[in-house]
PDB file of N, CA and C in Angstrom:
ATOM      1  N   LYS A   1     136.763 114.065  67.599  1.00  0.00           N
ATOM      2  CA  LYS A   1     138.398 114.723  67.712  1.00  0.00           C
ATOM      3  C   LYS A   1     139.086 115.536  67.137  1.00  0.00           C
ATOM      4  N   ARG A   2     140.440 115.704  67.286  1.00  0.00           N
ATOM      5  CA  ARG A   2     141.001 115.979  66.340  1.00  0.00           C
ATOM      6  C   ARG A   2     142.731 115.688  66.817  1.00  0.00           C
ATOM      7  N   GLY A   3     142.826 115.770  66.518  1.00  0.00           N
ATOM      8  CA  GLY A   3     145.137 116.093  66.818  1.00  0.00           C
ATOM      9  C   GLY A   3     145.015 114.887  68.035  1.00  0.00           C
ATOM     10  N   PHE A   4     145.892 115.393  69.078  1.00  0.00           N
ATOM     11  CA  PHE A   4     146.759 115.262  69.908  1.00  0.00           C
ATOM     12  C   PHE A   4     145.720 114.368  70.425  1.00  0.00           C
ATOM     13  N   GLU A   5     143.709 114.699  70.673  1.00  0.00           N
ATOM     14  CA  GLU A   5     143.573 114.038  71.701  1.00  0.00           C
ATOM     15  C   GLU A   5     143.410 112.204  70.876  1.00  0.00           C
ATOM     16  N   LYS A   6     142.812 112.194  69.929  1.00  0.00           N
ATOM     17  CA  LYS A   6     141.945 111.120  68.936  1.00  0.00           C
ATOM     18  C   LYS A   6     143.639 110.702  68.852  1.00  0.00           C
ATOM     19  N   LEU A   7     144.711 110.876  69.193  1.00  0.00           N
ATOM     20  CA  LEU A   7     146.182 109.811  69.704  1.00  0.00           C
ATOM     21  C   LEU A   7     145.996 109.470  70.854  1.00  0.00           C
ATOM     22  N   LEU A   8     145.160 110.445  71.624  1.00  0.00           N
ATOM     23  CA  LEU A   8     145.033 109.081  73.076  1.00  0.00           C
ATOM     24  C   LEU A   8     143.737 108.449  73.221  1.00  0.00           C
ATOM     25  N   ASP A   9     142.737 109.371  72.419  1.00  0.00           N
ATOM     26  CA  ASP A   9     142.078 107.799  71.897  1.00  0.00           C
ATOM     27  C   ASP A   9     142.654 106.413  71.476  1.00  0.00           C
ATOM     28  N   SER A  10     143.046 106.487  69.988  1.00  0.00           N
ATOM     29  CA  SER A  10     143.797 105.415  69.348  1.00  0.00           C
ATOM     30  C   SER A  10     144.920 104.879  70.830  1.00  0.00           C
ATOM     31  N   LYS A  11     145.569 105.550  71.492  1.00  0.00           N
ATOM     32  CA  LYS A  11     146.407 105.382  71.547  1.00  0.00           C
ATOM     33  C   LYS A  11     146.177 104.564  73.134  1.00  0.00           C
ATOM     34  N   ASP A  12     144.374 104.174  73.950  1.00  0.00           N
ATOM     35  CA  ASP A  12     143.845 103.455  74.861  1.00  0.00           C
ATOM     36  C   ASP A  12     142.973 102.576  74.353  1.00  0.00           C
ATOM     37  N   VAL A  13     142.758 103.009  72.789  1.00  0.00           N
ATOM     38  CA  VAL A  13     141.966 101.553  72.288  1.00  0.00           C
ATOM     39  C   VAL A  13     142.540 100.159  72.067  1.00  0.00           C
ATOM     40  N   ILE A  14     143.673 101.255  71.753  1.00  0.00           N
ATOM     41  CA  ILE A  14     145.388  99.514  70.961  1.00  0.00           C
ATOM     42  C   ILE A  14     145.770  98.926  73.184  1.00  0.00           C
ATOM     43  N   MET A  15     146.084 100.178  73.373  1.00  0.00           N
ATOM     44  CA  MET A  15     146.296  99.118  75.210  1.00  0.00           C
ATOM     45  C   MET A  15     145.029  98.505  75.586  1.00  0.00           C
ATOM     46  N   GLN A  16     143.557  98.074  75.455  1.00  0.00           N
ATOM     47  CA  GLN A  16     142.658  98.418  76.002  1.00  0.00           C
ATOM     48  C   GLN A  16     142.131  96.324  74.874  1.00  0.00           C
ATOM     49  N   LYS A  17     142.909  96.901  74.155  1.00  0.00           N
ATOM     50  CA  LYS A  17     142.348  95.480  73.499  1.00  0.00           C
ATOM     51  C   LYS A  17     143.711  94.465  73.257  1.00  0.00           C
ATOM     52  N   LEU A  18     145.221  95.400  73.283  1.00  0.00           N
ATOM     53  CA  LEU A  18     145.828  93.942  73.923  1.00  0.00           C
ATOM     54  C   LEU A  18     145.673  93.122  75.252  1.00  0.00           C
ATOM     55  N   GLN A  19     145.106  94.789  76.119  1.00  0.00           N
ATOM     56  CA  GLN A  19     144.657  93.698  77.813  1.00  0.00           C
ATOM     57  C   GLN A  19     143.315  92.404  77.270  1.00  0.00           C
ATOM     58  N   GLU A  20     143.122  92.657  76.171  1.00  0.00           N
ATOM     59  CA  GLU A  20     141.660  91.718  76.246  1.00  0.00           C
ATOM     60  C   GLU A  20     142.224  89.925  75.417  1.00  0.00           C
ATOM     61  N   LYS A  21     143.325  90.617  74.613  1.00  0.00           N
ATOM     62  CA  LYS A  21     144.087  89.809  74.059  1.00  0.00           C
ATOM     63  C   LYS A  21     145.119  89.552  74.263  1.00  0.00           C
ATOM     64  N   ASN A  22     145.184  88.968  75.689  1.00  0.00           N
ATOM     65  CA  ASN A  22     146.551  89.330  76.396  1.00  0.00           C
ATOM     66  C   ASN A  22     148.027  89.352  75.773  1.00  0.00           C
ATOM     67  N   GLY A  23     147.096  90.154  75.682  1.00  0.00           N
ATOM     68  CA  GLY A  23     148.616  91.033  75.629  1.00  0.00           C
ATOM     69  C   GLY A  23     149.548  91.137  73.761  1.00  0.00           C
ATOM     70  N   PHE A  24     148.600  90.957  73.622  1.00  0.00           N
ATOM     71  CA  PHE A  24     148.753  90.430  71.736  1.00  0.00           C
ATOM     72  C   PHE A  24     148.383  90.805  70.753  1.00  0.00           C
ATOM     73  N   LEU A  25     148.935  90.718  69.319  1.00  0.00           N
ATOM     74  CA  LEU A  25     147.614  91.583  68.610  1.00  0.00           C
ATOM     75  C   LEU A  25     148.683  91.262  67.419  1.00  0.00           C
ATOM     76  N   PRO A  26     147.805  90.695  66.317  1.00  0.00           N
ATOM     77  CA  PRO A  26     148.567  89.962  65.141  1.00  0.00           C
ATOM     78  C   PRO A  26     148.560  91.577  64.100  1.00  0.00           C
ATOM     79  N   LEU A  27     148.889  92.969  64.487  1.00  0.00           N
ATOM     80  CA  LEU A  27     148.503  93.340  63.510  1.00  0.00           C
ATOM     81  C   LEU A  27     150.350  94.701  63.421  1.00  0.00           C
ATOM     82  N   THR A  28     150.518  94.815  63.041  1.00  0.00           N
ATOM     83  CA  THR A  28     151.491  95.261  62.733  1.00  0.00           C
ATOM     84  C   THR A  28     151.432  96.091  61.363  1.00  0.00           C
ATOM     85  N   ASP A  29     152.363  97.503  61.571  1.00  0.00           N
ATOM     86  CA  ASP A  29     152.259  98.306  60.155  1.00  0.00           C
ATOM     87  C   ASP A  29     152.213  98.187  58.682  1.00  0.00           C
ATOM     88  N   LYS A  30     152.544  96.609  58.719  1.00  0.00           N
ATOM     89  CA  LYS A  30     152.008  96.099  57.374  1.00  0.00           C
ATOM     90  C   LYS A  30     151.408  95.859  56.929  1.00  0.00           C
ATOM     91  N   SER A  31     149.758  95.424  58.070  1.00  0.00           N
ATOM     92  CA  SER A  31     148.982  94.771  58.079  1.00  0.00           C
ATOM     93  C   SER A  31     147.834  95.826  58.055  1.00  0.00           C
ATOM     94  N   SER A  32     147.159  94.548  56.337  1.00  0.00           N
ATOM     95  CA  SER A  32     146.261  96.335  55.536  1.00  0.00           C
ATOM     96  C   SER A  32     145.089  96.176  56.512  1.00  0.00           C
ATOM     97  N   PRO A  33     145.036  98.210  55.706  1.00  0.00           N
ATOM     98  CA  PRO A  33     144.154  98.815  56.173  1.00  0.00           C
ATOM     99  C   PRO A  33     142.695  98.420  56.919  1.00  0.00           C
ATOM    100  N   GLN A  34     142.265  97.672  56.184  1.00  0.00           N
ATOM    101  CA  GLN A  34     140.678  96.825  56.307  1.00  0.00           C
ATOM    102  C   GLN A  34     140.694  95.287  57.762  1.00  0.00           C
ATOM    103  N   LEU A  35     142.201  94.838  57.524  1.00  0.00           N
ATOM    104  CA  LEU A  35     141.645  94.505  59.113  1.00  0.00           C
ATOM    105  C   LEU A  35     142.139  95.352  60.229  1.00  0.00           C
ATOM    106  N   ILE A  36     142.867  96.238  60.596  1.00  0.00           N
ATOM    107  CA  ILE A  36     142.783  97.054  60.935  1.00  0.00           C
ATOM    108  C   ILE A  36     141.085  98.335  62.398  1.00  0.00           C
ATOM    109  N   GLU A  37     141.011  97.802  60.487  1.00  0.00           N
ATOM    110  CA  GLU A  37     139.958  98.702  60.574  1.00  0.00           C
ATOM    111  C   GLU A  37     138.812  97.441  61.861  1.00  0.00           C
ATOM    112  N   GLU A  38     139.033  96.827  61.198  1.00  0.00           N
ATOM    113  CA  GLU A  38     138.381  95.168  61.825  1.00  0.00           C
ATOM    114  C   GLU A  38     138.527  94.900  63.667  1.00  0.00           C
ATOM    115  N   THR A  39     139.716  94.739  63.708  1.00  0.00           N
ATOM    116  CA  THR A  39     139.610  94.979  64.500  1.00  0.00           C
ATOM    117  C   THR A  39     139.983  95.985  65.719  1.00  0.00           C
ATOM    118  N   LEU A  40     141.012  96.978  65.222  1.00  0.00           N
ATOM    119  CA  LEU A  40     140.397  98.175  66.063  1.00  0.00           C
ATOM    120  C   LEU A  40     139.239  99.018  65.918  1.00  0.00           C
ATOM    121  N   GLU A  41     138.848  99.289  65.152  1.00  0.00           N
ATOM    122  CA  GLU A  41     137.816 100.605  64.969  1.00  0.00           C
ATOM    123  C   GLU A  41     138.384 101.771  63.965  1.00  0.00           C
ATOM    124  N   MET A  42     139.801 102.200  63.669  1.00  0.00           N
ATOM    125  CA  MET A  42     140.280 102.674  63.612  1.00  0.00           C
ATOM    126  C   MET A  42     140.790 102.764  62.296  1.00  0.00           C
ATOM    127  N   SER A  43     141.496 103.925  61.790  1.00  0.00           N
ATOM    128  CA  SER A  43     142.479 104.245  60.494  1.00  0.00           C
ATOM    129  C   SER A  43     143.567 103.605  61.066  1.00  0.00           C
ATOM    130  N   LYS A  44     143.983 103.104  59.890  1.00  0.00           N
ATOM    131  CA  LYS A  44     145.844 102.655  59.506  1.00  0.00           C
ATOM    132  C   LYS A  44     146.899 103.470  59.475  1.00  0.00           C
ATOM    133  N   GLY A  45     146.021 104.985  59.759  1.00  0.00           N
ATOM    134  CA  GLY A  45     147.489 106.206  60.411  1.00  0.00           C
ATOM    135  C   GLY A  45     147.371 106.378  61.799  1.00  0.00           C
ATOM    136  N   SER A  46     145.544 106.483  62.456  1.00  0.00           N
ATOM    137  CA  SER A  46     146.072 105.934  63.652  1.00  0.00           C
ATOM    138  C   SER A  46     146.429 105.294  64.219  1.00  0.00           C
ATOM    139  N   PHE A  47     146.062 104.103  63.737  1.00  0.00           N
ATOM    140  CA  PHE A  47     146.960 102.466  64.470  1.00  0.00           C
ATOM    141  C   PHE A  47     148.457 103.225  64.203  1.00  0.00           C
ATOM    142  N   LYS A  48     149.117 103.332  63.642  1.00  0.00           N
ATOM    143  CA  LYS A  48     150.779 103.608  63.178  1.00  0.00           C
ATOM    144  C   LYS A  48     150.923 104.801  64.212  1.00  0.00           C
ATOM    145  N   LYS A  49     150.280 106.151  64.140  1.00  0.00           N
ATOM    146  CA  LYS A  49     150.716 106.861  66.114  1.00  0.00           C
ATOM    147  C   LYS A  49     150.158 106.399  66.712  1.00  0.00           C
ATOM    148  N   GLY A  50     149.192 105.671  66.946  1.00  0.00           N
ATOM    149  CA  GLY A  50     149.489 105.228  68.617  1.00  0.00           C
ATOM    150  C   GLY A  50     150.102 104.055  68.351  1.00  0.00           C
ATOM    151  N   ILE A  51     150.273 103.587  68.200  1.00  0.00           N
ATOM    152  CA  ILE A  51     151.747 102.056  68.590  1.00  0.00           C
ATOM    153  C   ILE A  51     153.453 102.817  68.428  1.00  0.00           C
ATOM    154  N   GLY A  52     153.919 103.724  67.495  1.00  0.00           N
ATOM    155  CA  GLY A  52     154.619 104.946  67.662  1.00  0.00           C
ATOM    156  C   GLY A  52     154.096 105.476  68.860  1.00  0.00           C
ATOM    157  N   MET A  53     152.729 105.773  70.082  1.00  0.00           N
ATOM    158  CA  MET A  53     153.122 106.826  70.712  1.00  0.00           C
ATOM    159  C   MET A  53     153.533 105.221  72.152  1.00  0.00           C
ATOM    160  N   LEU A  54     153.590 103.957  72.586  1.00  0.00           N
ATOM    161  CA  LEU A  54     153.144 102.901  72.385  1.00  0.00           C
ATOM    162  C   LEU A  54     154.658 102.076  73.028  1.00  0.00           C
ATOM    163  N   TYR A  55     155.267 102.558  71.906  1.00  0.00           N
ATOM    164  CA  TYR A  55     156.421 102.467  71.632  1.00  0.00           C
ATOM    165  C   TYR A  55     157.350 103.253  71.971  1.00  0.00           C
ATOM    166  N   LYS A  56     156.871 104.092  72.060  1.00  0.00           N
ATOM    167  CA  LYS A  56     158.918 105.292  72.607  1.00  0.00           C
ATOM    168  C   LYS A  56     158.187 105.250  74.233  1.00  0.00           C
ATOM    169  N   GLN A  57     157.082 105.104  74.899  1.00  0.00           N
ATOM    170  CA  GLN A  57     157.050 105.229  76.442  1.00  0.00           C
ATOM    171  C   GLN A  57     157.190 103.871  76.793  1.00  0.00           C
ATOM    172  N   ARG A  58     157.620 102.574  75.340  1.00  0.00           N
ATOM    173  CA  ARG A  58     158.211 101.656  76.348  1.00  0.00           C
ATOM    174  C   ARG A  58     157.356 100.445  76.483  1.00  0.00           C
ATOM    175  N   LYS A  59     155.930 100.320  76.392  1.00  0.00           N
ATOM    176  CA  LYS A  59     154.809  99.769  76.911  1.00  0.00           C
ATOM    177  C   LYS A  59     154.808  98.521  75.904  1.00  0.00           C
ATOM    178  N   ILE A  60     154.823  98.680  74.687  1.00  0.00           N
ATOM    179  CA  ILE A  60     155.077  97.719  73.188  1.00  0.00           C
ATOM    180  C   ILE A  60     156.622  97.177  72.830  1.00  0.00           C
ATOM    181  N   GLU A  61     155.928  96.218  72.810  1.00  0.00           N
ATOM    182  CA  GLU A  61     157.382  95.933  71.642  1.00  0.00           C
ATOM    183  C   GLU A  61     155.782  96.016  70.227  1.00  0.00           C
ATOM    184  N   ILE A  62     157.265  95.521  69.359  1.00  0.00           N
ATOM    185  CA  ILE A  62     156.853  95.388  67.722  1.00  0.00           C
ATOM    186  C   ILE A  62     157.479  94.361  67.376  1.00  0.00           C
ATOM    187  N   THR A  63     157.180  93.382  66.509  1.00  0.00           N
ATOM    188  CA  THR A  63     157.537  92.067  66.094  1.00  0.00           C
ATOM    189  C   THR A  63     157.064  91.899  64.687  1.00  0.00           C
ATOM    190  N   ASP A  64     157.890  90.707  63.772  1.00  0.00           N
ATOM    191  CA  ASP A  64     157.114  90.589  62.643  1.00  0.00           C
ATOM    192  C   ASP A  64     155.837  90.151  62.636  1.00  0.00           C
ATOM    193  N   GLU A  65     155.458  89.312  64.020  1.00  0.00           N
ATOM    194  CA  GLU A  65     154.399  88.539  64.489  1.00  0.00           C
ATOM    195  C   GLU A  65     153.211  89.965  64.328  1.00  0.00           C
ATOM    196  N   GLY A  66     153.717  90.875  65.350  1.00  0.00           N
ATOM    197  CA  GLY A  66     152.234  92.215  65.714  1.00  0.00           C
ATOM    198  C   GLY A  66     152.968  92.442  66.907  1.00  0.00           C
ATOM    199  N   ILE A  67     152.046  93.269  67.832  1.00  0.00           N
ATOM    200  CA  ILE A  67     152.880  94.318  68.418  1.00  0.00           C
ATOM    201  C   ILE A  67     152.137  93.159  69.921  1.00  0.00           C
ATOM    202  N   LYS A  68     152.337  93.634  71.246  1.00  0.00           N
ATOM    203  CA  LYS A  68     152.799  93.294  72.270  1.00  0.00           C
ATOM    204  C   LYS A  68     153.319  93.672  73.032  1.00  0.00           C
ATOM    205  N   LEU A  69     153.097  93.692  74.854  1.00  0.00           N
ATOM    206  CA  LEU A  69     153.020  94.234  75.611  1.00  0.00           C
ATOM    207  C   LEU A  69     154.244  94.458  76.348  1.00  0.00           C
ATOM    208  N   THR A  70     154.763  94.930  77.238  1.00  0.00           N
ATOM    209  CA  THR A  70     156.410  94.734  77.162  1.00  0.00           C
ATOM    210  C   THR A  70     155.482  94.003  79.056  1.00  0.00           C
ATOM    211  N   ASP A  71     156.921  93.269  79.464  1.00  0.00           N
ATOM    212  CA  ASP A  71     156.927  92.974  80.734  1.00  0.00           C
ATOM    213  C   ASP A  71     156.751  94.295  81.600  1.00  0.00           C
ATOM    214  N   LYS A  72     156.835  95.303  81.277  1.00  0.00           N
ATOM    215  CA  LYS A  72     156.878  96.739  82.360  1.00  0.00           C
ATOM    216  C   LYS A  72     155.055  97.009  82.469  1.00  0.00           C
TER     217      LYS A  72
END
């Protein structure tokens, strides 16, 4: 898959993993590529683009500790 389809997939994977982990993942844009790969099975670039989309849609908050689902 390329481009936009890949972004939608990464966004969905992040949302699914957040829901499985009670709305919090200890991952940030400063997390190691290895940790992101082990946790989400995606590249750091895909992760950053995915959380960017989710953040713009106000579905997640980004903190120093990680990402969490918003209450909305």
